[in-house]
N, C-alpha and C. Protein backbone atom coordinates (compact mmCIF):
# COMPACT_ATOMS: atom_id res chain seq x y z
N MET A 1 9.22 -36.68 23.18
CA MET A 1 8.90 -38.05 22.85
C MET A 1 8.58 -38.10 21.48
N ILE A 2 7.63 -37.24 20.87
CA ILE A 2 7.24 -37.30 19.61
C ILE A 2 8.40 -37.34 18.52
N LEU A 3 9.34 -36.37 18.85
CA LEU A 3 10.49 -35.88 17.82
C LEU A 3 11.15 -37.13 17.70
N VAL A 4 11.39 -38.07 18.93
CA VAL A 4 12.33 -39.28 18.91
C VAL A 4 11.61 -40.21 18.08
N ILE A 5 10.22 -40.30 17.97
CA ILE A 5 9.46 -41.43 17.36
C ILE A 5 9.65 -41.01 15.70
N ALA A 6 9.36 -39.66 15.66
CA ALA A 6 9.79 -38.96 14.13
C ALA A 6 10.98 -39.30 13.74
N GLY A 7 12.03 -39.33 14.57
CA GLY A 7 13.61 -39.45 13.99
C GLY A 7 13.36 -41.01 13.79
N ILE A 8 12.96 -42.03 14.39
CA ILE A 8 12.71 -43.36 14.15
C ILE A 8 12.12 -43.54 12.85
N MET A 9 10.94 -42.89 12.69
CA MET A 9 10.27 -43.09 11.36
C MET A 9 10.94 -42.64 10.39
N PHE A 10 11.88 -41.54 10.39
CA PHE A 10 12.61 -40.87 9.11
C PHE A 10 13.61 -41.93 8.85
N LEU A 11 14.48 -42.58 9.86
CA LEU A 11 15.52 -43.14 9.68
C LEU A 11 14.99 -44.56 9.01
N SER A 12 13.77 -45.16 9.29
CA SER A 12 13.40 -46.40 8.88
C SER A 12 12.95 -46.15 7.50
N GLY A 13 12.44 -44.78 7.18
CA GLY A 13 11.99 -44.77 5.85
C GLY A 13 12.94 -44.61 5.06
N ILE A 14 14.18 -43.97 5.36
CA ILE A 14 15.50 -43.83 4.51
C ILE A 14 15.90 -45.22 4.10
N GLY A 15 15.97 -46.38 5.22
CA GLY A 15 16.37 -47.60 5.33
C GLY A 15 15.39 -48.42 4.14
N MET A 16 14.16 -48.23 4.19
CA MET A 16 13.28 -48.70 3.43
C MET A 16 13.56 -48.31 1.71
N LEU A 17 13.74 -47.05 1.63
CA LEU A 17 13.73 -46.65 0.34
C LEU A 17 15.16 -47.04 -0.18
N LEU A 18 16.17 -47.34 0.62
CA LEU A 18 17.61 -47.67 0.09
C LEU A 18 17.38 -49.11 -0.39
N SER A 19 16.78 -49.97 0.67
CA SER A 19 16.51 -51.38 0.42
C SER A 19 15.74 -51.38 -0.76
N GLY A 20 14.73 -50.59 -0.97
CA GLY A 20 13.72 -50.74 -2.09
C GLY A 20 14.36 -50.56 -3.21
N ILE A 21 15.31 -49.59 -3.30
CA ILE A 21 15.94 -49.10 -4.67
C ILE A 21 16.74 -50.28 -5.16
N GLN A 22 17.40 -51.07 -4.24
CA GLN A 22 18.24 -52.08 -4.60
C GLN A 22 17.49 -53.09 -5.22
N SER A 23 16.13 -53.36 -4.82
CA SER A 23 15.62 -54.27 -5.52
C SER A 23 14.21 -53.90 -6.34
N LEU A 24 14.52 -52.81 -6.90
CA LEU A 24 13.35 -51.97 -7.44
C LEU A 24 12.43 -52.70 -8.41
N LEU A 25 13.34 -53.95 -9.10
CA LEU A 25 12.49 -54.54 -10.30
C LEU A 25 11.46 -55.79 -9.89
N THR A 26 11.46 -55.95 -8.36
CA THR A 26 10.55 -56.84 -7.95
C THR A 26 9.26 -55.83 -7.35
N ALA A 27 8.34 -56.65 -7.10
CA ALA A 27 6.89 -56.15 -6.61
C ALA A 27 7.56 -55.66 -5.00
N PHE A 28 7.96 -56.31 -4.34
CA PHE A 28 8.60 -56.20 -2.88
C PHE A 28 9.38 -54.94 -2.95
N GLY A 29 10.30 -54.66 -3.55
CA GLY A 29 11.19 -53.43 -3.70
C GLY A 29 10.27 -52.38 -4.05
N MET A 30 9.07 -52.40 -5.04
CA MET A 30 8.39 -51.22 -5.36
C MET A 30 7.57 -50.81 -4.04
N LEU A 31 7.09 -51.81 -3.34
CA LEU A 31 6.32 -51.66 -2.36
C LEU A 31 7.20 -50.83 -1.06
N LEU A 32 8.64 -51.40 -0.86
CA LEU A 32 9.39 -50.74 0.12
C LEU A 32 9.76 -49.31 -0.31
N VAL A 33 9.83 -48.88 -1.40
CA VAL A 33 10.14 -47.62 -1.87
C VAL A 33 8.82 -46.68 -1.50
N VAL A 34 7.54 -47.19 -1.89
CA VAL A 34 6.46 -46.63 -1.54
C VAL A 34 6.38 -46.31 0.14
N ILE A 35 6.57 -47.48 0.95
CA ILE A 35 6.27 -47.37 2.21
C ILE A 35 7.50 -46.43 2.99
N GLY A 36 8.59 -46.45 2.38
CA GLY A 36 9.56 -45.67 2.86
C GLY A 36 9.36 -44.28 2.54
N GLY A 37 8.71 -43.86 1.40
CA GLY A 37 8.45 -42.38 1.09
C GLY A 37 7.32 -41.90 2.19
N PHE A 38 6.49 -42.78 2.15
CA PHE A 38 5.29 -42.37 3.17
C PHE A 38 5.72 -42.30 4.55
N SER A 39 6.53 -43.17 4.95
CA SER A 39 7.26 -43.03 6.35
C SER A 39 7.98 -41.82 6.41
N ILE A 40 8.57 -41.00 5.44
CA ILE A 40 9.20 -39.86 5.59
C ILE A 40 8.09 -38.84 5.64
N VAL A 41 7.16 -38.82 5.05
CA VAL A 41 6.07 -37.91 5.02
C VAL A 41 5.57 -38.07 6.59
N VAL A 42 5.09 -39.01 7.05
CA VAL A 42 4.49 -39.32 8.39
C VAL A 42 5.58 -38.85 9.33
N ALA A 43 6.75 -39.17 9.27
CA ALA A 43 7.72 -38.31 10.28
C ALA A 43 7.92 -36.92 10.16
N ARG A 44 7.81 -36.28 8.90
CA ARG A 44 7.52 -34.78 8.94
C ARG A 44 6.21 -34.26 9.68
N GLY A 45 5.12 -35.11 9.29
CA GLY A 45 3.94 -34.88 10.01
C GLY A 45 4.03 -34.92 11.62
N LEU A 46 4.75 -36.00 12.07
CA LEU A 46 4.96 -35.98 13.54
C LEU A 46 5.85 -34.87 14.08
N TYR A 47 6.80 -34.43 13.17
CA TYR A 47 7.71 -33.29 13.64
C TYR A 47 6.80 -32.14 13.88
N LEU A 48 6.08 -31.80 13.08
CA LEU A 48 4.91 -30.57 12.99
C LEU A 48 3.77 -30.90 13.94
N LEU A 49 3.90 -32.00 14.47
CA LEU A 49 2.54 -32.41 15.50
C LEU A 49 1.23 -32.29 14.75
N LYS A 50 1.05 -32.88 13.53
CA LYS A 50 -0.21 -32.86 12.79
C LYS A 50 -0.96 -34.21 13.08
N ARG A 51 -2.24 -33.90 13.53
CA ARG A 51 -2.98 -35.09 13.98
C ARG A 51 -2.79 -36.01 13.02
N ARG A 52 -3.28 -35.92 11.84
CA ARG A 52 -3.18 -37.31 10.75
C ARG A 52 -1.91 -37.89 10.64
N ALA A 53 -0.79 -37.46 11.30
CA ALA A 53 0.27 -38.23 11.29
C ALA A 53 0.55 -39.26 12.35
N TYR A 54 -0.21 -39.19 13.40
CA TYR A 54 -0.35 -40.08 14.56
C TYR A 54 -0.95 -41.40 13.84
N LEU A 55 -2.29 -41.49 13.22
CA LEU A 55 -2.70 -42.56 12.56
C LEU A 55 -1.97 -42.89 11.46
N GLY A 56 -1.25 -42.11 10.58
CA GLY A 56 -0.49 -42.74 9.67
C GLY A 56 0.68 -43.53 10.10
N ALA A 57 1.30 -42.99 11.39
CA ALA A 57 2.55 -43.81 11.87
C ALA A 57 2.07 -45.11 12.47
N ILE A 58 0.80 -45.19 13.14
CA ILE A 58 0.36 -46.61 13.59
C ILE A 58 -0.03 -47.30 12.45
N ALA A 59 -0.42 -46.93 11.29
CA ALA A 59 -0.71 -47.72 10.02
C ALA A 59 0.67 -48.20 9.63
N LEU A 60 1.69 -47.40 9.55
CA LEU A 60 2.89 -47.91 9.30
C LEU A 60 3.68 -48.85 10.08
N GLN A 61 3.41 -48.50 11.17
CA GLN A 61 3.91 -49.55 12.25
C GLN A 61 3.19 -51.01 12.26
N ILE A 62 1.98 -51.04 11.74
CA ILE A 62 1.51 -52.27 11.80
C ILE A 62 1.87 -52.94 10.26
N VAL A 63 2.15 -52.22 9.38
CA VAL A 63 2.76 -52.89 8.00
C VAL A 63 4.16 -53.31 8.22
N ALA A 64 4.92 -52.26 9.11
CA ALA A 64 6.18 -52.74 9.32
C ALA A 64 6.15 -54.34 10.23
N LEU A 65 5.16 -54.39 11.05
CA LEU A 65 5.05 -55.37 11.71
C LEU A 65 4.62 -56.80 10.91
N VAL A 66 3.89 -56.58 10.18
CA VAL A 66 3.39 -57.79 9.24
C VAL A 66 4.92 -58.14 8.32
N ILE A 67 5.60 -57.10 8.11
CA ILE A 67 6.78 -57.39 6.93
C ILE A 67 7.71 -58.10 7.81
N ASP A 68 7.89 -57.95 9.16
CA ASP A 68 8.94 -58.52 10.08
C ASP A 68 8.38 -59.92 10.22
N LEU A 69 7.01 -60.24 10.47
CA LEU A 69 6.45 -61.42 10.51
C LEU A 69 6.44 -62.38 9.31
N LEU A 70 6.48 -61.89 8.14
CA LEU A 70 6.53 -62.74 6.93
C LEU A 70 7.82 -62.81 6.75
N ALA A 71 8.99 -62.06 7.00
CA ALA A 71 10.36 -62.22 6.95
C ALA A 71 10.68 -63.45 8.03
N ILE A 72 9.98 -63.59 9.29
CA ILE A 72 10.34 -64.60 10.14
C ILE A 72 9.89 -65.78 9.62
N GLU A 73 8.78 -65.71 9.04
CA GLU A 73 8.13 -67.15 8.44
C GLU A 73 8.90 -67.44 7.25
N GLN A 74 9.61 -66.52 6.39
CA GLN A 74 10.15 -67.17 5.08
C GLN A 74 11.55 -67.39 5.69
N ALA A 75 12.28 -66.92 6.57
CA ALA A 75 13.48 -67.62 7.19
C ALA A 75 13.29 -68.91 7.94
N LYS A 76 12.09 -69.00 8.25
CA LYS A 76 11.83 -70.33 9.34
C LYS A 76 12.69 -70.14 10.64
N ALA A 77 13.29 -69.11 10.96
CA ALA A 77 13.75 -68.96 11.96
C ALA A 77 13.69 -67.68 12.58
N VAL A 78 13.78 -67.41 14.04
CA VAL A 78 13.79 -66.14 14.51
C VAL A 78 15.26 -65.42 14.83
N SER A 79 15.49 -64.23 14.45
CA SER A 79 16.64 -63.53 14.54
C SER A 79 16.53 -62.62 15.71
N ALA A 80 17.56 -62.03 16.23
CA ALA A 80 17.37 -61.06 17.20
C ALA A 80 17.06 -59.86 16.45
N GLY A 81 17.50 -59.57 15.28
CA GLY A 81 17.05 -58.35 14.81
C GLY A 81 15.30 -58.35 14.48
N ALA A 82 15.00 -59.36 13.92
CA ALA A 82 13.37 -59.59 13.86
C ALA A 82 12.86 -59.31 15.21
N VAL A 83 13.36 -59.88 16.41
CA VAL A 83 12.72 -59.50 17.39
C VAL A 83 12.88 -58.20 17.98
N GLY A 84 13.79 -57.44 17.91
CA GLY A 84 13.97 -56.00 17.97
C GLY A 84 13.22 -55.38 17.38
N ASP A 85 12.95 -55.54 15.95
CA ASP A 85 12.09 -54.71 15.22
C ASP A 85 10.52 -54.97 15.65
N ILE A 86 9.96 -56.13 16.00
CA ILE A 86 8.96 -56.27 16.69
C ILE A 86 8.74 -55.52 17.78
N THR A 87 9.59 -55.52 18.54
CA THR A 87 9.39 -55.12 19.85
C THR A 87 9.37 -53.55 19.82
N LEU A 88 10.22 -52.94 19.08
CA LEU A 88 10.19 -51.58 18.69
C LEU A 88 8.96 -51.00 18.12
N THR A 89 8.54 -51.84 17.16
CA THR A 89 7.27 -51.32 16.47
C THR A 89 5.72 -51.54 17.77
N ILE A 90 5.95 -52.45 18.59
CA ILE A 90 4.85 -52.50 19.46
C ILE A 90 5.13 -51.25 20.61
N ILE A 91 6.47 -51.03 20.84
CA ILE A 91 6.31 -49.80 21.57
C ILE A 91 6.07 -48.56 21.12
N VAL A 92 6.49 -48.26 19.59
CA VAL A 92 6.09 -47.21 19.17
C VAL A 92 4.44 -47.07 19.10
N CYS A 93 3.84 -48.09 18.65
CA CYS A 93 2.51 -48.24 18.74
C CYS A 93 1.70 -47.87 20.02
N VAL A 94 2.11 -48.25 21.02
CA VAL A 94 1.93 -48.11 22.20
C VAL A 94 1.78 -46.69 22.64
N ILE A 95 3.02 -46.05 22.51
CA ILE A 95 3.24 -44.37 22.80
C ILE A 95 2.68 -43.97 21.91
N LEU A 96 2.30 -43.84 20.68
CA LEU A 96 1.55 -43.21 19.65
C LEU A 96 -0.09 -43.04 20.10
N TYR A 97 -0.30 -44.21 20.40
CA TYR A 97 -1.72 -44.32 21.03
C TYR A 97 -2.17 -43.84 22.26
N PHE A 98 -1.16 -43.80 23.23
CA PHE A 98 -1.34 -43.01 24.30
C PHE A 98 -1.22 -41.37 24.35
N LYS A 99 -0.36 -41.17 23.40
CA LYS A 99 -0.33 -39.74 23.00
C LYS A 99 -1.35 -39.25 22.04
N ARG A 100 -2.09 -39.85 21.59
CA ARG A 100 -3.35 -39.41 20.80
C ARG A 100 -4.63 -39.46 21.78
N LYS A 101 -4.67 -40.13 22.69
CA LYS A 101 -5.89 -39.95 23.56
C LYS A 101 -5.89 -38.64 24.32
N ARG A 102 -6.91 -38.10 24.70
CA ARG A 102 -7.20 -37.22 25.26
C ARG A 102 -6.81 -37.09 26.94
N PHE A 103 -7.21 -38.36 27.55
CA PHE A 103 -6.75 -38.54 28.97
C PHE A 103 -5.37 -38.52 29.15
N VAL A 104 -4.48 -38.61 28.28
CA VAL A 104 -3.10 -38.61 28.65
C VAL A 104 -2.30 -37.00 28.10
N ARG A 105 -2.82 -36.74 27.20
CA ARG A 105 -2.40 -35.21 26.67
C ARG A 105 -2.92 -34.20 27.56
N PRO A 106 -2.05 -33.30 28.07
CA PRO A 106 -2.53 -32.03 28.88
C PRO A 106 -3.63 -30.94 27.93
């Protein structure tokens, strides 16, 4: 399960890097490049089952949730893609939380 989440984090990091590079001259573009790079580092940590990667992944998912909510507010409409992103973010956070707790892990 963690490998699936690591793959999702890696692909979202690549997507953020590419969209950040396209608009690098803006502050939001620079923020996307930084978040995308950090997402790739966290994905590698999840792949190697590092403890600190779990907290980093939860922090990145919270940042992604805030970005999605800001995008909805800016567009003044809810799109299916934004709802899907928010749902995926919440699911990943719940899975990571339960994988981190000792009562769930063997």
